[in-house]
């Protein structure tokens, strides 16, 4: 097994305990996000229904009128490894064998789709600002 696979396995299964390292959501659970971004599992929806509470008439009401079928289908949480600085070549944390599993030295995080997407947007925004600040217009 190569080094990056060992590191990936360690981060996904040991360090993060199969949860998003930023929001704590468990890998593999299925459900919906409400408008506030809270994740409601199918199990929670089913048990609430038995008790007389209908999430689709409350927190998830917006799904009933949505014509986009993809948004009506439940989401399965899937974790992925994300480079914090966006640089896939930045693997300095793994150059020395004794430091491979040191959480202080790595650039990789195990994130859910939502956290990963938000981080990617932040990186793109920072890159655009940095690029704009570097431009010098001379006449």
Protein backbone atom coordinates (compact mmCIF):
# COMPACT_ATOMS: atom_id res chain seq x y z
CA UNK A 1 0.00 0.00 0.00
CA UNK A 2 1.48 3.36 -0.96
CA UNK A 3 2.03 6.17 1.53
CA UNK A 4 -0.91 8.38 0.49
CA UNK A 5 -3.34 5.43 0.83
CA UNK A 6 -2.03 4.71 4.32
CA UNK A 7 -2.41 8.38 5.27
CA UNK A 8 -5.89 8.54 3.71
CA UNK A 9 -7.02 5.43 5.58
CA UNK A 10 -5.63 6.80 8.84
CA UNK A 11 -7.33 10.21 8.45
CA UNK A 12 -10.70 8.78 7.35
CA UNK A 13 -10.98 5.95 9.84
CA UNK A 14 -8.82 6.74 12.85
CA UNK A 15 -8.32 10.48 13.22
CA UNK A 16 -11.79 11.55 12.06
CA UNK A 17 -13.62 8.44 13.33
CA UNK A 18 -15.53 8.35 10.01
CA UNK A 19 -16.99 11.82 10.68
CA UNK A 20 -16.54 15.20 9.01
CA UNK A 21 -13.71 16.87 10.91
CA UNK A 22 -15.43 20.26 10.73
CA UNK A 23 -19.14 19.65 11.35
CA UNK A 24 -19.04 16.14 12.87
CA UNK A 25 -21.61 14.51 10.57
CA UNK A 26 -21.25 10.72 10.31
CA UNK A 27 -20.17 9.13 7.01
CA UNK A 28 -22.82 7.12 5.17
CA UNK A 29 -25.96 8.44 6.86
CA UNK A 30 -28.92 9.27 4.64
CA UNK A 31 -31.37 12.14 4.96
CA UNK A 32 -32.11 15.74 4.04
CA UNK A 33 -30.76 19.18 4.87
CA UNK A 34 -33.26 21.81 5.93
CA UNK A 35 -32.98 25.44 4.87
CA UNK A 36 -30.74 26.21 7.83
CA UNK A 37 -28.32 23.45 6.76
CA UNK A 38 -29.20 21.04 9.58
CA UNK A 39 -29.08 17.39 8.54
CA UNK A 40 -32.16 15.31 9.35
CA UNK A 41 -31.69 11.56 8.97
CA UNK A 42 -34.29 9.30 7.40
CA UNK A 43 -34.42 7.37 10.68
CA UNK A 44 -35.26 10.55 12.58
CA UNK A 45 -37.94 11.47 10.01
CA UNK A 46 -39.51 7.98 10.27
CA UNK A 47 -39.53 7.88 14.07
CA UNK A 48 -40.99 11.41 14.26
CA UNK A 49 -43.71 10.41 11.78
CA UNK A 50 -44.73 7.56 14.11
CA UNK A 51 -45.09 10.09 16.92
CA UNK A 52 -47.24 12.38 14.75
CA UNK A 53 -44.62 14.92 13.68
CA UNK A 54 -44.13 15.48 9.95
CA UNK A 55 -40.81 17.06 8.97
CA UNK A 56 -42.13 17.55 5.43
CA UNK A 57 -44.82 19.89 6.75
CA UNK A 58 -42.30 21.79 8.86
CA UNK A 59 -38.51 21.96 8.39
CA UNK A 60 -38.57 20.23 4.99
CA UNK A 61 -41.70 21.85 3.56
CA UNK A 62 -39.72 23.43 0.71
CA UNK A 63 -39.02 19.98 -0.77
CA UNK A 64 -42.70 19.32 -1.48
CA UNK A 65 -43.00 22.19 -3.95
CA UNK A 66 -39.60 21.66 -5.54
CA UNK A 67 -39.75 20.48 -9.15
CA UNK A 68 -36.08 19.46 -9.16
CA UNK A 69 -36.16 15.70 -8.47
CA UNK A 70 -32.54 15.66 -7.27
CA UNK A 71 -33.45 17.93 -4.38
CA UNK A 72 -36.36 15.67 -3.43
CA UNK A 73 -34.14 12.61 -3.17
CA UNK A 74 -32.35 12.06 0.14
CA UNK A 75 -28.63 12.75 0.38
CA UNK A 76 -26.08 10.18 1.48
CA UNK A 77 -23.18 11.73 3.36
CA UNK A 78 -19.89 10.90 1.71
CA UNK A 79 -16.59 12.02 3.17
CA UNK A 80 -13.60 13.00 1.09
CA UNK A 81 -10.08 14.15 1.78
CA UNK A 82 -9.52 17.84 1.15
CA UNK A 83 -6.22 19.72 0.98
CA UNK A 84 -6.61 22.63 3.36
CA UNK A 85 -4.49 25.00 1.29
CA UNK A 86 -5.81 23.60 -2.02
CA UNK A 87 -2.31 22.53 -3.08
CA UNK A 88 -2.19 18.80 -3.83
CA UNK A 89 1.59 19.03 -4.11
CA UNK A 90 1.89 20.22 -0.53
CA UNK A 91 2.65 16.91 1.13
CA UNK A 92 5.40 18.14 3.42
CA UNK A 93 3.58 16.48 6.32
CA UNK A 94 4.39 13.05 4.87
CA UNK A 95 8.05 13.39 3.97
CA UNK A 96 9.37 12.07 7.25
CA UNK A 97 8.03 8.61 8.18
CA UNK A 98 7.79 9.37 11.91
CA UNK A 99 5.56 12.40 11.18
CA UNK A 100 3.03 10.72 8.88
CA UNK A 101 0.31 10.47 11.54
CA UNK A 102 1.02 13.73 13.34
CA UNK A 103 -2.21 15.77 13.06
CA UNK A 104 -0.30 19.02 13.58
CA UNK A 105 1.72 18.48 10.42
CA UNK A 106 -0.83 17.64 7.81
CA UNK A 107 -2.65 19.53 5.10
CA UNK A 108 -5.44 16.97 4.70
CA UNK A 109 -8.87 16.96 6.30
CA UNK A 110 -11.76 14.53 6.03
CA UNK A 111 -14.83 16.59 5.12
CA UNK A 112 -18.45 16.06 4.11
CA UNK A 113 -19.76 17.44 0.80
CA UNK A 114 -21.14 20.60 2.41
CA UNK A 115 -17.97 21.54 4.31
CA UNK A 116 -15.80 20.64 1.33
CA UNK A 117 -17.88 22.82 -0.98
CA UNK A 118 -17.81 25.76 1.45
CA UNK A 119 -14.04 25.44 1.85
CA UNK A 120 -13.58 25.31 -1.94
CA UNK A 121 -15.63 28.50 -2.34
CA UNK A 122 -13.53 30.22 0.31
CA UNK A 123 -10.30 29.16 -1.42
CA UNK A 124 -11.54 30.42 -4.79
CA UNK A 125 -12.61 33.73 -3.25
CA UNK A 126 -9.23 34.18 -1.55
CA UNK A 127 -7.42 33.32 -4.80
CA UNK A 128 -9.42 35.93 -6.73
CA UNK A 129 -8.73 38.59 -4.07
CA UNK A 130 -5.04 37.73 -4.04
CA UNK A 131 -4.84 37.87 -7.83
CA UNK A 132 -6.66 41.21 -7.93
CA UNK A 133 -4.27 42.65 -5.31
CA UNK A 134 -1.26 41.51 -7.35
CA UNK A 135 -2.41 43.27 -10.51
CA UNK A 136 -0.76 46.60 -11.10
CA UNK A 137 -2.16 48.80 -13.78
CA UNK A 138 0.23 51.39 -15.07
CA UNK A 139 -0.51 54.05 -17.64
